[in-house]
Protein backbone atom coordinates (compact mmCIF):
# COMPACT_ATOMS: atom_id res chain seq x y z
CA UNK A 1 -154.69 146.49 -75.05
CA UNK A 2 -153.30 147.81 -71.75
CA UNK A 3 -153.70 151.46 -70.72
CA UNK A 4 -149.94 152.05 -70.94
CA UNK A 5 -149.82 150.64 -74.50
CA UNK A 6 -152.69 152.97 -75.48
CA UNK A 7 -150.75 155.94 -74.13
CA UNK A 8 -148.07 155.13 -76.66
CA UNK A 9 -150.13 153.91 -79.62
CA UNK A 10 -152.95 156.50 -79.59
CA UNK A 11 -150.77 159.55 -80.25
CA UNK A 12 -148.94 157.68 -83.05
CA UNK A 13 -152.23 156.74 -84.71
CA UNK A 14 -153.34 160.34 -84.47
CA UNK A 15 -150.09 161.48 -86.11
CA UNK A 16 -150.46 159.07 -89.03
CA UNK A 17 -154.08 160.08 -89.60
CA UNK A 18 -153.12 163.73 -89.53
CA UNK A 19 -150.37 163.26 -92.04
CA UNK A 20 -152.53 161.21 -94.40
CA UNK A 21 -155.44 163.64 -94.25
CA UNK A 22 -153.39 166.84 -94.47
CA UNK A 23 -153.82 168.91 -97.68
CA UNK A 24 -151.53 167.84 -100.51
CA UNK A 25 -149.73 171.18 -100.42
CA UNK A 26 -148.88 170.78 -96.76
CA UNK A 27 -146.57 167.81 -96.87
CA UNK A 28 -144.99 165.39 -99.35
CA UNK A 29 -145.73 161.86 -98.11
CA UNK A 30 -144.19 158.52 -98.86
CA UNK A 31 -145.30 155.11 -97.55
CA UNK A 32 -143.12 152.00 -97.66
CA UNK A 33 -143.26 148.59 -96.04
CA UNK A 34 -141.94 145.05 -95.87
CA UNK A 35 -143.14 141.59 -94.89
CA UNK A 36 -141.31 138.33 -94.29
CA UNK A 37 -142.72 134.93 -93.33
CA UNK A 38 -140.03 132.46 -92.19
CA UNK A 39 -140.30 128.80 -91.21
CA UNK A 40 -137.44 127.70 -88.95
CA UNK A 41 -136.94 123.94 -88.83
CA UNK A 42 -134.62 122.61 -86.11
CA UNK A 43 -134.40 119.36 -84.17
CA UNK A 44 -132.71 121.17 -81.30
CA UNK A 45 -134.87 121.13 -78.12
CA UNK A 46 -134.39 122.83 -74.81
CA UNK A 47 -133.17 121.02 -71.76
CA UNK A 48 -135.43 120.88 -68.72
CA UNK A 49 -133.36 123.61 -67.07
CA UNK A 50 -131.46 126.36 -68.77
CA UNK A 51 -131.59 126.51 -72.54
CA UNK A 52 -135.17 127.69 -73.06
CA UNK A 53 -136.82 127.68 -76.45
CA UNK A 54 -135.60 129.35 -79.60
CA UNK A 55 -138.10 130.69 -82.15
CA UNK A 56 -139.00 127.69 -84.31
CA UNK A 57 -141.82 127.20 -86.78
CA UNK A 58 -143.49 130.17 -88.44
CA UNK A 59 -142.51 133.75 -87.53
CA UNK A 60 -143.56 136.94 -89.26
CA UNK A 61 -141.72 140.23 -89.51
CA UNK A 62 -143.60 143.18 -90.91
CA UNK A 63 -142.96 146.91 -90.97
CA UNK A 64 -144.75 150.02 -92.22
CA UNK A 65 -143.01 153.34 -92.60
CA UNK A 66 -144.37 156.79 -93.37
CA UNK A 67 -142.11 159.70 -94.30
CA UNK A 68 -143.46 163.27 -94.48
CA UNK A 69 -141.38 166.10 -95.94
CA UNK A 70 -142.69 169.17 -94.15
CA UNK A 71 -140.09 171.54 -95.67
CA UNK A 72 -136.90 171.51 -97.71
CA UNK A 73 -134.93 171.00 -94.50
CA UNK A 74 -137.28 169.04 -92.25
CA UNK A 75 -138.97 165.65 -92.41
CA UNK A 76 -140.84 163.36 -89.99
CA UNK A 77 -140.44 159.58 -90.03
CA UNK A 78 -142.85 157.13 -88.41
CA UNK A 79 -142.36 153.35 -88.44
CA UNK A 80 -144.01 150.46 -86.62
CA UNK A 81 -143.03 146.80 -86.87
CA UNK A 82 -144.03 143.40 -85.52
CA UNK A 83 -141.74 140.40 -85.21
CA UNK A 84 -139.85 138.24 -82.73
CA UNK A 85 -139.91 141.17 -80.31
CA UNK A 86 -143.69 141.77 -80.61
CA UNK A 87 -145.19 145.10 -81.56
CA UNK A 88 -142.59 147.84 -81.67
CA UNK A 89 -142.46 151.54 -82.47
CA UNK A 90 -139.26 151.40 -84.45
CA UNK A 91 -139.04 155.11 -85.15
CA UNK A 92 -140.86 158.40 -84.58
CA UNK A 93 -138.41 161.15 -85.22
CA UNK A 94 -137.82 164.58 -86.77
CA UNK A 95 -134.83 165.19 -89.04
CA UNK A 96 -133.64 168.72 -89.66
CA UNK A 97 -130.93 169.12 -92.32
CA UNK A 98 -128.81 172.20 -91.85
CA UNK A 99 -126.34 171.02 -94.53
CA UNK A 100 -124.95 167.79 -95.95
CA UNK A 101 -122.45 167.87 -93.09
CA UNK A 102 -125.06 168.37 -90.33
CA UNK A 103 -128.38 166.65 -89.82
CA UNK A 104 -130.03 166.67 -86.39
CA UNK A 105 -132.44 163.87 -85.45
CA UNK A 106 -134.65 163.97 -82.37
CA UNK A 107 -137.24 161.44 -81.16
CA UNK A 108 -137.22 157.66 -81.25
CA UNK A 109 -134.79 155.92 -83.63
CA UNK A 110 -132.04 153.26 -83.82
CA UNK A 111 -128.78 155.14 -83.11
CA UNK A 112 -126.08 154.72 -85.71
CA UNK A 113 -123.97 151.66 -84.93
CA UNK A 114 -122.39 149.09 -87.25
CA UNK A 115 -123.09 148.29 -90.89
CA UNK A 116 -125.96 145.79 -90.43
CA UNK A 117 -128.24 148.32 -88.81
CA UNK A 118 -128.69 150.00 -92.22
CA UNK A 119 -130.22 146.78 -93.63
CA UNK A 120 -131.80 145.10 -90.56
CA UNK A 121 -135.17 145.02 -92.29
CA UNK A 122 -135.67 141.48 -93.73
CA UNK A 123 -136.47 142.95 -97.16
CA UNK A 124 -132.95 144.37 -97.25
CA UNK A 125 -130.88 141.24 -96.57
CA UNK A 126 -130.79 137.94 -98.45
CA UNK A 127 -130.98 135.44 -95.56
CA UNK A 128 -134.01 134.89 -93.35
CA UNK A 129 -132.14 135.41 -90.08
CA UNK A 130 -129.61 137.93 -88.85
CA UNK A 131 -125.98 137.49 -87.95
CA UNK A 132 -125.51 136.07 -84.44
CA UNK A 133 -124.14 139.35 -83.06
CA UNK A 134 -127.43 141.06 -84.04
CA UNK A 135 -129.77 138.11 -83.37
CA UNK A 136 -133.32 138.86 -82.28
CA UNK A 137 -134.41 135.36 -81.28
CA UNK A 138 -133.79 132.73 -83.96
CA UNK A 139 -130.41 131.54 -82.71
CA UNK A 140 -130.35 128.14 -80.99
CA UNK A 141 -129.93 128.14 -77.18
CA UNK A 142 -131.03 131.79 -77.24
CA UNK A 143 -131.89 131.89 -73.49
CA UNK A 144 -128.48 130.57 -72.49
CA UNK A 145 -126.74 133.34 -74.38
CA UNK A 146 -129.36 136.08 -73.89
CA UNK A 147 -129.35 136.85 -77.62
CA UNK A 148 -126.26 138.22 -79.35
CA UNK A 149 -124.07 141.22 -78.69
CA UNK A 150 -126.49 143.91 -79.90
CA UNK A 151 -129.95 142.71 -80.99
CA UNK A 152 -131.10 144.71 -84.02
CA UNK A 153 -133.06 146.88 -84.37
CA UNK A 154 -132.38 148.74 -81.11
CA UNK A 155 -134.69 151.82 -81.14
CA UNK A 156 -134.26 154.35 -78.38
CA UNK A 157 -135.23 157.87 -77.36
CA UNK A 158 -132.69 160.66 -77.83
CA UNK A 159 -130.90 162.94 -80.19
CA UNK A 160 -128.29 162.31 -82.90
CA UNK A 161 -126.15 164.58 -85.08
CA UNK A 162 -124.82 163.14 -88.32
CA UNK A 163 -123.47 164.23 -91.66
CA UNK A 164 -121.51 163.42 -94.81
CA UNK A 165 -118.50 165.12 -96.29
CA UNK A 166 -116.94 164.40 -99.67
CA UNK A 167 -113.22 164.68 -100.38
CA UNK A 168 -113.25 165.12 -104.15
CA UNK A 169 -115.62 162.79 -106.04
CA UNK A 170 -114.50 159.40 -104.72
CA UNK A 171 -113.91 159.62 -100.94
CA UNK A 172 -116.87 159.94 -98.57
CA UNK A 173 -116.73 160.42 -94.78
CA UNK A 174 -119.86 159.74 -92.72
CA UNK A 175 -120.15 160.47 -89.01
CA UNK A 176 -122.80 160.23 -86.29
CA UNK A 177 -122.84 161.04 -82.55
CA UNK A 178 -125.78 160.32 -80.28
CA UNK A 179 -127.19 160.66 -76.77
CA UNK A 180 -129.99 158.15 -75.96
CA UNK A 181 -131.64 156.56 -72.99
CA UNK A 182 -129.55 153.37 -73.33
CA UNK A 183 -130.16 149.73 -72.55
CA UNK A 184 -131.80 148.66 -69.30
CA UNK A 185 -131.35 145.93 -66.68
CA UNK A 186 -131.92 145.27 -63.02
CA UNK A 187 -129.31 145.75 -60.32
CA UNK A 188 -129.42 142.00 -59.52
CA UNK A 189 -129.38 140.97 -63.16
CA UNK A 190 -126.40 139.26 -64.74
CA UNK A 191 -126.99 140.72 -68.20
CA UNK A 192 -128.91 143.38 -70.07
CA UNK A 193 -132.70 142.94 -70.13
CA UNK A 194 -133.60 143.46 -73.77
CA UNK A 195 -137.38 143.00 -73.06
CA UNK A 196 -137.24 145.82 -70.50
CA UNK A 197 -135.18 147.92 -72.90
CA UNK A 198 -137.83 147.89 -75.58
CA UNK A 199 -141.04 147.38 -73.60
CA UNK A 200 -143.90 149.83 -74.30
CA UNK A 201 -145.48 148.84 -70.98
CA UNK A 202 -142.62 150.74 -69.33
CA UNK A 203 -143.50 153.87 -71.34
CA UNK A 204 -140.31 153.78 -73.41
CA UNK A 205 -138.49 155.77 -70.71
CA UNK A 206 -135.09 155.31 -69.06
CA UNK A 207 -134.68 153.51 -65.75
CA UNK A 208 -132.01 156.00 -64.62
CA UNK A 209 -131.13 159.61 -65.36
CA UNK A 210 -127.81 158.92 -67.12
CA UNK A 211 -127.99 158.99 -70.95
CA UNK A 212 -125.87 156.60 -72.99
CA UNK A 213 -123.57 157.99 -75.64
CA UNK A 214 -121.89 156.76 -78.75
CA UNK A 215 -121.37 157.24 -82.45
CA UNK A 216 -120.00 155.93 -85.71
CA UNK A 217 -117.39 156.88 -88.28
CA UNK A 218 -117.31 155.40 -91.77
CA UNK A 219 -115.00 156.06 -94.71
CA UNK A 220 -116.06 155.03 -98.22
CA UNK A 221 -113.74 154.97 -101.23
CA UNK A 222 -115.30 154.56 -104.68
CA UNK A 223 -112.82 152.96 -107.08
CA UNK A 224 -115.29 152.64 -110.01
CA UNK A 225 -118.86 153.32 -110.95
CA UNK A 226 -119.85 149.81 -109.78
CA UNK A 227 -117.48 149.27 -106.86
CA UNK A 228 -116.61 150.72 -103.49
CA UNK A 229 -115.19 149.79 -100.11
CA UNK A 230 -116.34 151.07 -96.68
CA UNK A 231 -114.52 150.88 -93.39
CA UNK A 232 -116.41 151.76 -90.23
CA UNK A 233 -116.00 151.98 -86.42
CA UNK A 234 -118.71 152.31 -83.78
CA UNK A 235 -119.09 152.86 -80.03
CA UNK A 236 -121.92 152.78 -77.50
CA UNK A 237 -121.57 153.23 -73.74
CA UNK A 238 -123.95 153.71 -70.81
CA UNK A 239 -125.29 152.63 -67.42
CA UNK A 240 -128.04 150.01 -67.38
CA UNK A 241 -129.15 149.64 -63.73
CA UNK A 242 -131.55 151.94 -61.83
CA UNK A 243 -128.67 153.27 -59.71
CA UNK A 244 -126.52 154.01 -62.78
CA UNK A 245 -123.55 152.20 -61.21
CA UNK A 246 -123.26 149.24 -63.63
CA UNK A 247 -122.08 150.03 -67.16
CA UNK A 248 -121.77 148.44 -70.52
CA UNK A 249 -119.50 149.34 -73.44
CA UNK A 250 -120.10 148.11 -77.01
CA UNK A 251 -117.55 148.61 -79.72
CA UNK A 252 -117.56 147.47 -83.34
CA UNK A 253 -115.65 147.51 -86.60
CA UNK A 254 -116.91 146.71 -90.08
CA UNK A 255 -115.65 146.34 -93.64
CA UNK A 256 -117.86 146.20 -96.76
CA UNK A 257 -116.60 145.54 -100.26
CA UNK A 258 -119.01 145.92 -103.25
CA UNK A 259 -118.27 144.98 -106.82
CA UNK A 260 -121.34 145.17 -109.01
CA UNK A 261 -123.82 142.90 -107.25
CA UNK A 262 -121.22 140.94 -105.30
CA UNK A 263 -120.95 142.01 -101.67
CA UNK A 264 -118.42 140.96 -99.01
CA UNK A 265 -119.21 142.05 -95.47
CA UNK A 266 -117.05 141.50 -92.38
CA UNK A 267 -118.09 142.84 -88.99
CA UNK A 268 -116.91 142.44 -85.37
CA UNK A 269 -118.61 143.48 -82.14
CA UNK A 270 -117.58 143.36 -78.49
CA UNK A 271 -119.61 144.13 -75.32
CA UNK A 272 -118.02 144.47 -71.90
CA UNK A 273 -120.46 144.63 -69.04
CA UNK A 274 -120.28 145.05 -65.26
CA UNK A 275 -121.76 142.42 -62.92
CA UNK A 276 -123.52 143.18 -59.60
CA UNK A 277 -121.36 141.45 -56.95
CA UNK A 278 -123.27 142.48 -53.84
CA UNK A 279 -124.01 138.74 -53.39
CA UNK A 280 -120.95 136.78 -54.59
CA UNK A 281 -122.67 133.44 -53.85
CA UNK A 282 -124.85 133.90 -56.94
CA UNK A 283 -121.82 133.29 -59.22
CA UNK A 284 -120.08 130.09 -60.10
CA UNK A 285 -116.52 131.48 -59.97
CA UNK A 286 -114.77 133.49 -57.32
CA UNK A 287 -115.52 137.20 -57.41
CA UNK A 288 -112.44 139.50 -57.13
CA UNK A 289 -112.05 141.13 -53.71
CA UNK A 290 -111.59 144.53 -55.31
CA UNK A 291 -112.71 146.13 -58.52
CA UNK A 292 -115.97 144.27 -59.02
CA UNK A 293 -116.48 141.75 -61.78
CA UNK A 294 -117.52 141.74 -65.41
CA UNK A 295 -117.91 139.61 -68.54
CA UNK A 296 -117.07 140.19 -72.21
CA UNK A 297 -119.10 138.93 -75.18
CA UNK A 298 -117.39 138.99 -78.61
CA UNK A 299 -118.95 138.23 -81.95
CA UNK A 300 -118.37 138.56 -85.66
CA UNK A 301 -119.37 137.40 -89.12
CA UNK A 302 -118.11 137.23 -92.65
CA UNK A 303 -120.77 137.12 -95.38
CA UNK A 304 -120.49 136.83 -99.11
CA UNK A 305 -123.39 137.56 -101.55
CA UNK A 306 -122.65 136.19 -105.00
CA UNK A 307 -125.12 136.64 -107.93
CA UNK A 308 -125.51 133.45 -109.92
CA UNK A 309 -128.09 134.73 -112.38
CA UNK A 310 -130.17 137.92 -112.68
CA UNK A 311 -132.74 136.34 -110.29
CA UNK A 312 -130.70 134.02 -108.10
CA UNK A 313 -128.13 134.94 -105.37
CA UNK A 314 -125.95 132.52 -103.45
CA UNK A 315 -125.11 133.56 -99.84
CA UNK A 316 -122.43 132.13 -97.60
CA UNK A 317 -121.95 133.26 -93.98
CA UNK A 318 -119.67 132.27 -91.14
CA UNK A 319 -120.42 133.79 -87.71
CA UNK A 320 -119.44 133.21 -84.11
CA UNK A 321 -120.04 134.25 -80.49
CA UNK A 322 -117.56 134.00 -77.70
CA UNK A 323 -118.22 134.85 -74.02
CA UNK A 324 -115.70 135.04 -71.25
CA UNK A 325 -116.15 135.88 -67.60
CA UNK A 326 -118.22 134.92 -64.56
CA UNK A 327 -121.65 133.27 -64.83
CA UNK A 328 -124.58 132.57 -62.53
CA UNK A 329 -124.42 129.30 -60.59
CA UNK A 330 -127.23 127.71 -62.66
CA UNK A 331 -125.96 128.89 -66.03
CA UNK A 332 -125.14 126.18 -68.61
CA UNK A 333 -122.28 128.38 -69.88
CA UNK A 334 -118.71 128.21 -68.61
CA UNK A 335 -116.05 130.78 -67.94
CA UNK A 336 -115.33 130.59 -71.68
CA UNK A 337 -118.02 129.52 -74.12
CA UNK A 338 -118.43 129.78 -77.83
CA UNK A 339 -120.75 129.22 -80.79
CA UNK A 340 -119.74 128.71 -84.39
CA UNK A 341 -122.30 128.73 -87.24
CA UNK A 342 -121.87 128.00 -90.95
CA UNK A 343 -124.67 129.08 -93.28
CA UNK A 344 -125.29 128.46 -96.95
CA UNK A 345 -128.36 129.99 -98.55
CA UNK A 346 -130.08 131.12 -101.71
CA UNK A 347 -132.38 134.02 -102.49
CA UNK A 348 -134.52 133.83 -105.64
CA UNK A 349 -136.34 136.88 -106.93
CA UNK A 350 -139.72 135.89 -108.38
CA UNK A 351 -140.30 139.45 -109.45
CA UNK A 352 -139.36 142.94 -108.30
CA UNK A 353 -140.02 143.20 -104.58
CA UNK A 354 -140.83 139.49 -104.03
CA UNK A 355 -138.07 137.05 -102.99
CA UNK A 356 -137.90 133.38 -101.85
CA UNK A 357 -135.23 132.49 -99.29
CA UNK A 358 -133.68 129.20 -98.22
CA UNK A 359 -130.74 128.49 -95.98
CA UNK A 360 -129.13 125.60 -94.07
CA UNK A 361 -127.16 126.23 -90.85
CA UNK A 362 -124.61 123.98 -89.12
CA UNK A 363 -124.07 124.86 -85.50
CA UNK A 364 -121.18 123.97 -83.21
CA UNK A 365 -121.25 124.71 -79.45
CA UNK A 366 -118.37 124.55 -76.95
CA UNK A 367 -120.86 123.50 -74.28
CA UNK A 368 -122.96 120.34 -74.61
CA UNK A 369 -126.72 120.85 -74.76
CA UNK A 370 -129.75 118.67 -75.20
CA UNK A 371 -128.87 114.93 -74.94
CA UNK A 372 -125.22 115.87 -74.56
CA UNK A 373 -124.88 117.11 -78.17
CA UNK A 374 -122.69 120.05 -79.11
CA UNK A 375 -123.72 120.24 -82.78
CA UNK A 376 -127.02 120.94 -84.50
CA UNK A 377 -128.51 121.64 -87.92
CA UNK A 378 -131.32 124.01 -88.74
CA UNK A 379 -133.04 125.22 -91.90
CA UNK A 380 -134.98 128.32 -92.93
CA UNK A 381 -137.69 128.62 -95.59
CA UNK A 382 -138.84 132.20 -96.17
CA UNK A 383 -140.69 134.59 -98.43
CA UNK A 384 -140.09 138.34 -98.26
CA UNK A 385 -141.68 141.29 -100.03
CA UNK A 386 -141.13 145.01 -100.06
CA UNK A 387 -143.60 147.64 -101.21
């Protein structure tokens, strides 16, 4: 392990040992975890130049979380995970609850954004892979698209204030506002660098001195004991280059309808991002003489979870990505490119906390790929457990 990685891991290990060995009267502790093994079968192969590999074959996602209640108002949360992104410190933060309407979180955490972030752990969703907008590496032609709109989870350093207020007994308003380091990228880059954004070898620190800001609002209406509907809106904005001159803005809207065990989820995300135009010859299309240049990436999904029996759930999902704007000269994408994916899957509960997953995906691309094809089929076989 590198010296820089030890600088991050060693204090975290010491914290866990201290919490586990502390006297019982000192803290109330809770340990939870999850594990998923997924086999991704796809005939799609990368072209000699451009596409790059997607994550096929076996991949494992595992997480271990420790929560310590150090007082009635304060708690510490520590979580590490391993998956498509490698080893990650997903959270190390302190929560201080002043009231239901005000909780302050400081440390490393995923800032509040969107609805899927609440269930990004594979033990909390029925399909093996994530929606395209939140993809972390299993989408086909992943290098061409540089993942989705906002790969989840997206842990970061900073502070967040959040709270919940009830209007009567049926209407709930949740809010969150955060200041974090933000995503990173190079000045000459044509997109965000998600490896740099989450790399422990870079000490988990910002590459500029400008924090990103954002937040989320969600309104939930409970119309029965077994049903509710939630409408949410999210924002995230910051500078990603070392000079803090290039910015990104991510917005999102989500709708969730729950009736007993049936869930309908609809979510839309959009990211607008500046491009460095100091060398216009790097781009395929003409760069505007004034005002710089940018691209926009849109994405959304609609997902229905339908219980068939007490142990078997049927899941259908439609999701899409659409990108418009300038591209590098050697990019396989065009000024307007899109992906459509249709997914049908099942989740079978062998027993409490142990689930088998299967899904088939039909892909359609606006740009031809390997061997001139613009369609592909892939399948997932997974097992997930929570403890």
